[in-house]
PDB file of N, CA and C in Angstrom:
ATOM      1  N   MET A   1      -0.607 -12.345 -16.453  1.00  0.00           N
ATOM      2  CA  MET A   1      -0.220 -11.181 -16.307  1.00  0.00           C
ATOM      3  C   MET A   1      -1.615 -10.583 -15.454  1.00  0.00           C
ATOM      4  N   ARG A   2      -1.475  -9.815 -14.320  1.00  0.00           N
ATOM      5  CA  ARG A   2      -2.462  -9.511 -13.321  1.00  0.00           C
ATOM      6  C   ARG A   2      -2.286  -7.571 -14.048  1.00  0.00           C
ATOM      7  N   VAL A   3      -3.527  -6.868 -13.963  1.00  0.00           N
ATOM      8  CA  VAL A   3      -3.597  -5.372 -13.549  1.00  0.00           C
ATOM      9  C   VAL A   3      -4.341  -5.399 -12.304  1.00  0.00           C
ATOM     10  N   LEU A   4      -3.772  -4.629 -11.585  1.00  0.00           N
ATOM     11  CA  LEU A   4      -4.096  -3.812 -10.366  1.00  0.00           C
ATOM     12  C   LEU A   4      -4.684  -2.644 -10.703  1.00  0.00           C
ATOM     13  N   THR A   5      -5.840  -2.115 -10.366  1.00  0.00           N
ATOM     14  CA  THR A   5      -6.334  -1.072 -10.290  1.00  0.00           C
ATOM     15  C   THR A   5      -6.788   0.037  -9.049  1.00  0.00           C
ATOM     16  N   THR A   6      -6.148   1.144  -8.895  1.00  0.00           N
ATOM     17  CA  THR A   6      -6.215   2.270  -7.923  1.00  0.00           C
ATOM     18  C   THR A   6      -7.828   3.480  -8.155  1.00  0.00           C
ATOM     19  N   ALA A   7      -7.603   4.052  -7.453  1.00  0.00           N
ATOM     20  CA  ALA A   7      -8.231   5.492  -7.665  1.00  0.00           C
ATOM     21  C   ALA A   7      -7.339   6.151  -8.547  1.00  0.00           C
ATOM     22  N   PRO A   8      -8.444   7.057  -9.137  1.00  0.00           N
ATOM     23  CA  PRO A   8      -7.774   8.330 -10.068  1.00  0.00           C
ATOM     24  C   PRO A   8      -6.419   8.995  -9.619  1.00  0.00           C
ATOM     25  N   GLY A   9      -4.695   8.609 -10.351  1.00  0.00           N
ATOM     26  CA  GLY A   9      -4.338   9.507  -9.119  1.00  0.00           C
ATOM     27  C   GLY A   9      -2.731   9.447  -9.356  1.00  0.00           C
ATOM     28  N   GLU A  10      -1.800   9.464  -9.000  1.00  0.00           N
ATOM     29  CA  GLU A  10      -0.612   9.889  -9.474  1.00  0.00           C
ATOM     30  C   GLU A  10      -0.238   8.676  -8.433  1.00  0.00           C
ATOM     31  N   VAL A  11       0.488   7.624  -8.179  1.00  0.00           N
ATOM     32  CA  VAL A  11       1.247   6.463  -7.805  1.00  0.00           C
ATOM     33  C   VAL A  11       2.224   6.870  -7.227  1.00  0.00           C
ATOM     34  N   LEU A  12       2.198   7.150  -6.011  1.00  0.00           N
ATOM     35  CA  LEU A  12       3.734   7.791  -5.238  1.00  0.00           C
ATOM     36  C   LEU A  12       4.583   6.947  -4.993  1.00  0.00           C
ATOM     37  N   ASP A  13       3.872   5.517  -4.792  1.00  0.00           N
ATOM     38  CA  ASP A  13       4.987   4.148  -4.028  1.00  0.00           C
ATOM     39  C   ASP A  13       4.511   3.607  -4.224  1.00  0.00           C
ATOM     40  N   VAL A  14       5.392   2.317  -4.962  1.00  0.00           N
ATOM     41  CA  VAL A  14       5.147   0.944  -4.568  1.00  0.00           C
ATOM     42  C   VAL A  14       5.968   0.198  -3.702  1.00  0.00           C
ATOM     43  N   ALA A  15       4.794  -0.828  -2.720  1.00  0.00           N
ATOM     44  CA  ALA A  15       5.859  -1.599  -1.728  1.00  0.00           C
ATOM     45  C   ALA A  15       5.469  -3.030  -2.126  1.00  0.00           C
ATOM     46  N   PHE A  16       6.597  -4.183  -2.355  1.00  0.00           N
ATOM     47  CA  PHE A  16       6.068  -5.553  -2.232  1.00  0.00           C
ATOM     48  C   PHE A  16       6.222  -6.287  -0.907  1.00  0.00           C
ATOM     49  N   SER A  17       5.479  -7.287  -0.369  1.00  0.00           N
ATOM     50  CA  SER A  17       5.873  -7.958   0.768  1.00  0.00           C
ATOM     51  C   SER A  17       7.075  -8.846   0.189  1.00  0.00           C
ATOM     52  N   PRO A  18       7.856  -9.063   1.561  1.00  0.00           N
ATOM     53  CA  PRO A  18       9.217  -9.928   1.414  1.00  0.00           C
ATOM     54  C   PRO A  18       8.731 -11.108   0.933  1.00  0.00           C
ATOM     55  N   ASP A  19       7.747 -11.720   0.773  1.00  0.00           N
ATOM     56  CA  ASP A  19       7.048 -13.574   0.504  1.00  0.00           C
ATOM     57  C   ASP A  19       6.496 -13.028  -0.909  1.00  0.00           C
ATOM     58  N   CYS A  20       6.553 -11.787  -1.262  1.00  0.00           N
ATOM     59  CA  CYS A  20       5.622 -11.650  -2.952  1.00  0.00           C
ATOM     60  C   CYS A  20       3.984 -12.168  -2.808  1.00  0.00           C
ATOM     61  N   ARG A  21       3.290 -11.860  -1.538  1.00  0.00           N
ATOM     62  CA  ARG A  21       1.911 -12.243  -1.275  1.00  0.00           C
ATOM     63  C   ARG A  21       1.319 -11.146  -1.546  1.00  0.00           C
ATOM     64  N   ALA A  22       1.731  -9.856  -1.236  1.00  0.00           N
ATOM     65  CA  ALA A  22       1.309  -8.676  -1.485  1.00  0.00           C
ATOM     66  C   ALA A  22       1.599  -7.620  -2.022  1.00  0.00           C
ATOM     67  N   VAL A  23       1.195  -6.518  -2.333  1.00  0.00           N
ATOM     68  CA  VAL A  23       1.534  -5.215  -3.005  1.00  0.00           C
ATOM     69  C   VAL A  23       1.073  -4.055  -2.461  1.00  0.00           C
ATOM     70  N   ALA A  24       0.993  -3.207  -1.958  1.00  0.00           N
ATOM     71  CA  ALA A  24       0.696  -1.613  -1.844  1.00  0.00           C
ATOM     72  C   ALA A  24       1.060  -0.972  -2.675  1.00  0.00           C
ATOM     73  N   ALA A  25       0.235   0.118  -3.114  1.00  0.00           N
ATOM     74  CA  ALA A  25       0.834   1.291  -3.729  1.00  0.00           C
ATOM     75  C   ALA A  25       0.084   2.527  -3.044  1.00  0.00           C
ATOM     76  N   ALA A  26       0.814   3.607  -2.647  1.00  0.00           N
ATOM     77  CA  ALA A  26       0.365   4.827  -2.191  1.00  0.00           C
ATOM     78  C   ALA A  26       0.002   6.009  -3.856  1.00  0.00           C
ATOM     79  N   VAL A  27      -1.093   6.312  -3.547  1.00  0.00           N
ATOM     80  CA  VAL A  27      -1.958   7.208  -4.936  1.00  0.00           C
ATOM     81  C   VAL A  27      -2.056   8.703  -4.332  1.00  0.00           C
ATOM     82  N   GLU A  28      -1.696   9.937  -4.693  1.00  0.00           N
ATOM     83  CA  GLU A  28      -1.946  11.069  -4.758  1.00  0.00           C
ATOM     84  C   GLU A  28      -3.075  11.239  -4.414  1.00  0.00           C
ATOM     85  N   GLY A  29      -3.542  11.976  -3.190  1.00  0.00           N
ATOM     86  CA  GLY A  29      -5.170  12.088  -2.542  1.00  0.00           C
ATOM     87  C   GLY A  29      -6.184  11.130  -2.644  1.00  0.00           C
ATOM     88  N   ALA A  30      -5.949   9.821  -2.734  1.00  0.00           N
ATOM     89  CA  ALA A  30      -6.816   8.593  -2.894  1.00  0.00           C
ATOM     90  C   ALA A  30      -6.130   7.345  -1.454  1.00  0.00           C
ATOM     91  N   GLY A  31      -5.212   7.689  -0.859  1.00  0.00           N
ATOM     92  CA  GLY A  31      -4.729   7.142  -0.056  1.00  0.00           C
ATOM     93  C   GLY A  31      -3.753   5.602  -0.309  1.00  0.00           C
ATOM     94  N   LEU A  32      -3.767   4.794   0.272  1.00  0.00           N
ATOM     95  CA  LEU A  32      -3.052   3.587  -0.115  1.00  0.00           C
ATOM     96  C   LEU A  32      -3.919   2.536  -0.627  1.00  0.00           C
ATOM     97  N   PHE A  33      -3.580   1.928  -1.035  1.00  0.00           N
ATOM     98  CA  PHE A  33      -4.091   0.155  -1.809  1.00  0.00           C
ATOM     99  C   PHE A  33      -3.468  -0.717  -1.459  1.00  0.00           C
ATOM    100  N   LEU A  34      -3.954  -2.005  -0.794  1.00  0.00           N
ATOM    101  CA  LEU A  34      -3.139  -3.237  -0.269  1.00  0.00           C
ATOM    102  C   LEU A  34      -4.047  -4.346  -0.944  1.00  0.00           C
ATOM    103  N   TRP A  35      -3.173  -5.161  -2.120  1.00  0.00           N
ATOM    104  CA  TRP A  35      -3.769  -6.393  -2.407  1.00  0.00           C
ATOM    105  C   TRP A  35      -3.085  -7.482  -2.243  1.00  0.00           C
ATOM    106  N   ASN A  36      -3.914  -8.818  -1.615  1.00  0.00           N
ATOM    107  CA  ASN A  36      -3.289  -9.757  -1.450  1.00  0.00           C
ATOM    108  C   ASN A  36      -3.452 -10.540  -2.646  1.00  0.00           C
ATOM    109  N   LEU A  37      -2.123 -10.424  -3.207  1.00  0.00           N
ATOM    110  CA  LEU A  37      -1.837 -11.437  -4.895  1.00  0.00           C
ATOM    111  C   LEU A  37      -2.712 -12.955  -4.653  1.00  0.00           C
ATOM    112  N   GLU A  38      -2.762 -13.582  -3.432  1.00  0.00           N
ATOM    113  CA  GLU A  38      -3.241 -14.753  -3.535  1.00  0.00           C
ATOM    114  C   GLU A  38      -4.984 -14.745  -3.559  1.00  0.00           C
ATOM    115  N   SER A  39      -5.610 -13.938  -3.189  1.00  0.00           N
ATOM    116  CA  SER A  39      -7.312 -13.744  -3.417  1.00  0.00           C
ATOM    117  C   SER A  39      -8.002 -13.899  -5.044  1.00  0.00           C
ATOM    118  N   PRO A  40      -8.604 -14.616  -5.470  1.00  0.00           N
ATOM    119  CA  PRO A  40      -9.216 -15.278  -6.576  1.00  0.00           C
ATOM    120  C   PRO A  40      -9.695 -13.230  -6.847  1.00  0.00           C
ATOM    121  N   THR A  41     -10.233 -12.486  -6.079  1.00  0.00           N
ATOM    122  CA  THR A  41     -10.561 -11.564  -6.711  1.00  0.00           C
ATOM    123  C   THR A  41     -10.003 -10.416  -7.404  1.00  0.00           C
ATOM    124  N   LEU A  42      -8.844 -10.309  -6.419  1.00  0.00           N
ATOM    125  CA  LEU A  42      -7.805  -9.061  -6.093  1.00  0.00           C
ATOM    126  C   LEU A  42      -8.682  -7.448  -5.992  1.00  0.00           C
ATOM    127  N   ALA A  43      -9.185  -7.776  -4.944  1.00  0.00           N
ATOM    128  CA  ALA A  43     -10.318  -6.354  -4.917  1.00  0.00           C
ATOM    129  C   ALA A  43      -9.472  -6.020  -3.772  1.00  0.00           C
ATOM    130  N   PRO A  44      -8.809  -4.531  -3.799  1.00  0.00           N
ATOM    131  CA  PRO A  44      -7.641  -3.972  -2.741  1.00  0.00           C
ATOM    132  C   PRO A  44      -8.276  -3.402  -1.152  1.00  0.00           C
ATOM    133  N   VAL A  45      -7.603  -3.629  -0.592  1.00  0.00           N
ATOM    134  CA  VAL A  45      -8.004  -2.994   0.629  1.00  0.00           C
ATOM    135  C   VAL A  45      -7.565  -1.125   0.732  1.00  0.00           C
ATOM    136  N   ARG A  46      -8.451  -0.497   0.672  1.00  0.00           N
ATOM    137  CA  ARG A  46      -8.486   1.291   0.817  1.00  0.00           C
ATOM    138  C   ARG A  46      -7.948   1.368   2.104  1.00  0.00           C
ATOM    139  N   ILE A  47      -6.857   2.146   2.161  1.00  0.00           N
ATOM    140  CA  ILE A  47      -6.757   2.569   3.698  1.00  0.00           C
ATOM    141  C   ILE A  47      -6.127   3.964   3.684  1.00  0.00           C
ATOM    142  N   PRO A  48      -7.107   5.007   4.520  1.00  0.00           N
ATOM    143  CA  PRO A  48      -6.600   6.378   4.047  1.00  0.00           C
ATOM    144  C   PRO A  48      -5.632   6.438   5.041  1.00  0.00           C
ATOM    145  N   ALA A  49      -4.792   7.608   4.209  1.00  0.00           N
ATOM    146  CA  ALA A  49      -3.425   8.339   4.684  1.00  0.00           C
ATOM    147  C   ALA A  49      -3.208   9.642   4.076  1.00  0.00           C
ATOM    148  N   GLU A  50      -3.935  10.663   4.723  1.00  0.00           N
ATOM    149  CA  GLU A  50      -3.761  12.031   4.716  1.00  0.00           C
ATOM    150  C   GLU A  50      -2.155  12.419   4.732  1.00  0.00           C
ATOM    151  N   ARG A  51      -2.034  13.607   4.471  1.00  0.00           N
ATOM    152  CA  ARG A  51      -0.591  13.971   4.187  1.00  0.00           C
ATOM    153  C   ARG A  51       0.151  12.793   4.097  1.00  0.00           C
ATOM    154  N   TYR A  52       0.382  11.807   3.219  1.00  0.00           N
ATOM    155  CA  TYR A  52       1.210  10.704   2.982  1.00  0.00           C
ATOM    156  C   TYR A  52       2.579  11.033   2.602  1.00  0.00           C
ATOM    157  N   ARG A  53       3.698  10.763   3.469  1.00  0.00           N
ATOM    158  CA  ARG A  53       4.630  11.028   2.800  1.00  0.00           C
ATOM    159  C   ARG A  53       5.225  10.125   1.607  1.00  0.00           C
ATOM    160  N   ALA A  54       5.782  11.072   1.082  1.00  0.00           N
ATOM    161  CA  ALA A  54       6.219   9.936  -0.811  1.00  0.00           C
ATOM    162  C   ALA A  54       7.511   9.053  -0.064  1.00  0.00           C
ATOM    163  N   GLY A  55       7.705   8.057  -0.675  1.00  0.00           N
ATOM    164  CA  GLY A  55       9.215   6.926  -0.371  1.00  0.00           C
ATOM    165  C   GLY A  55       8.751   6.756   1.001  1.00  0.00           C
ATOM    166  N   SER A  56       7.883   6.485   1.526  1.00  0.00           N
ATOM    167  CA  SER A  56       7.558   5.961   3.336  1.00  0.00           C
ATOM    168  C   SER A  56       7.092   4.746   3.148  1.00  0.00           C
ATOM    169  N   LEU A  57       6.268   4.385   2.100  1.00  0.00           N
ATOM    170  CA  LEU A  57       5.792   2.927   2.132  1.00  0.00           C
ATOM    171  C   LEU A  57       6.438   1.776   2.101  1.00  0.00           C
ATOM    172  N   ALA A  58       6.298   0.879   3.352  1.00  0.00           N
ATOM    173  CA  ALA A  58       7.397  -0.218   3.330  1.00  0.00           C
ATOM    174  C   ALA A  58       6.832  -1.793   4.117  1.00  0.00           C
ATOM    175  N   PHE A  59       7.023  -2.882   3.948  1.00  0.00           N
ATOM    176  CA  PHE A  59       6.577  -3.854   4.693  1.00  0.00           C
ATOM    177  C   PHE A  59       7.094  -4.184   5.805  1.00  0.00           C
ATOM    178  N   SER A  60       7.232  -4.543   6.549  1.00  0.00           N
ATOM    179  CA  SER A  60       7.870  -5.438   7.846  1.00  0.00           C
ATOM    180  C   SER A  60       8.315  -6.699   7.303  1.00  0.00           C
ATOM    181  N   ALA A  61       9.845  -6.725   7.927  1.00  0.00           N
ATOM    182  CA  ALA A  61      10.579  -8.080   7.574  1.00  0.00           C
ATOM    183  C   ALA A  61       9.501  -9.303   7.286  1.00  0.00           C
ATOM    184  N   THR A  62       8.860  -9.564   8.114  1.00  0.00           N
ATOM    185  CA  THR A  62       8.006 -10.290   8.149  1.00  0.00           C
ATOM    186  C   THR A  62       6.939 -10.542   6.984  1.00  0.00           C
ATOM    187  N   GLY A  63       6.787  -9.419   6.581  1.00  0.00           N
ATOM    188  CA  GLY A  63       5.306  -9.251   5.538  1.00  0.00           C
ATOM    189  C   GLY A  63       4.160  -9.123   6.280  1.00  0.00           C
ATOM    190  N   ARG A  64       4.040  -8.968   7.342  1.00  0.00           N
ATOM    191  CA  ARG A  64       2.495  -8.948   8.616  1.00  0.00           C
ATOM    192  C   ARG A  64       2.306  -7.138   8.560  1.00  0.00           C
ATOM    193  N   GLN A  65       3.005  -6.325   8.520  1.00  0.00           N
ATOM    194  CA  GLN A  65       2.907  -5.035   9.078  1.00  0.00           C
ATOM    195  C   GLN A  65       3.033  -4.083   7.090  1.00  0.00           C
ATOM    196  N   LEU A  66       2.135  -3.005   7.005  1.00  0.00           N
ATOM    197  CA  LEU A  66       2.605  -2.203   6.174  1.00  0.00           C
ATOM    198  C   LEU A  66       2.707  -1.190   7.113  1.00  0.00           C
ATOM    199  N   ALA A  67       3.721  -0.266   6.746  1.00  0.00           N
ATOM    200  CA  ALA A  67       4.477   0.890   7.449  1.00  0.00           C
ATOM    201  C   ALA A  67       4.298   2.072   6.466  1.00  0.00           C
ATOM    202  N   TRP A  68       4.171   3.863   6.779  1.00  0.00           N
ATOM    203  CA  TRP A  68       4.256   4.580   6.026  1.00  0.00           C
ATOM    204  C   TRP A  68       3.935   5.610   7.005  1.00  0.00           C
ATOM    205  N   LEU A  69       4.975   6.848   6.823  1.00  0.00           N
ATOM    206  CA  LEU A  69       4.304   8.206   7.023  1.00  0.00           C
ATOM    207  C   LEU A  69       3.473   9.512   6.834  1.00  0.00           C
ATOM    208  N   ALA A  70       2.966   9.401   7.931  1.00  0.00           N
ATOM    209  CA  ALA A  70       1.720  10.286   7.625  1.00  0.00           C
ATOM    210  C   ALA A  70       1.105  11.749   8.665  1.00  0.00           C
ATOM    211  N   ALA A  71       1.204  13.106   8.366  1.00  0.00           N
ATOM    212  CA  ALA A  71       1.010  13.980   9.525  1.00  0.00           C
ATOM    213  C   ALA A  71       2.018  13.803  10.493  1.00  0.00           C
ATOM    214  N   GLY A  72       3.397  13.685   9.950  1.00  0.00           N
ATOM    215  CA  GLY A  72       4.155  13.400  10.641  1.00  0.00           C
ATOM    216  C   GLY A  72       4.378  12.441  11.724  1.00  0.00           C
ATOM    217  N   ARG A  73       3.622  11.159  11.407  1.00  0.00           N
ATOM    218  CA  ARG A  73       3.674  10.232  12.423  1.00  0.00           C
ATOM    219  C   ARG A  73       3.674   8.662  11.664  1.00  0.00           C
ATOM    220  N   ARG A  74       4.248   7.873  12.006  1.00  0.00           N
ATOM    221  CA  ARG A  74       4.540   6.680  11.670  1.00  0.00           C
ATOM    222  C   ARG A  74       3.207   5.864  11.789  1.00  0.00           C
ATOM    223  N   ARG A  75       2.559   5.617  10.841  1.00  0.00           N
ATOM    224  CA  ARG A  75       1.240   4.723  10.818  1.00  0.00           C
ATOM    225  C   ARG A  75       1.758   3.337  10.480  1.00  0.00           C
ATOM    226  N   VAL A  76       0.710   2.314  11.035  1.00  0.00           N
ATOM    227  CA  VAL A  76       1.329   1.216  11.024  1.00  0.00           C
ATOM    228  C   VAL A  76      -0.399   0.613  10.596  1.00  0.00           C
ATOM    229  N   TYR A  77      -0.345  -0.548   9.495  1.00  0.00           N
ATOM    230  CA  TYR A  77      -1.389  -1.432   9.002  1.00  0.00           C
ATOM    231  C   TYR A  77      -1.486  -2.723   9.656  1.00  0.00           C
ATOM    232  N   ASP A  78      -1.638  -3.484  10.209  1.00  0.00           N
ATOM    233  CA  ASP A  78      -1.736  -4.796  10.527  1.00  0.00           C
ATOM    234  C   ASP A  78      -2.624  -5.937  10.185  1.00  0.00           C
TER     235      ASP A  78
END
């Protein structure tokens, strides 16, 4: 079992990539956290996401992009 940690705060959403190689979490007031599950260190990438809209976190069908709604616009991390 692996334990993934984020900044303190309520986890609003979790998304898994279609190939199960990555997982992302939206944390209230802290932004998004993205883990590469194939990495031996499991250090997350932190992505700022001001005014994140809960329920909008999702990977693309290819798993190459992570998208969400924030500040009234669609945002993409590639």
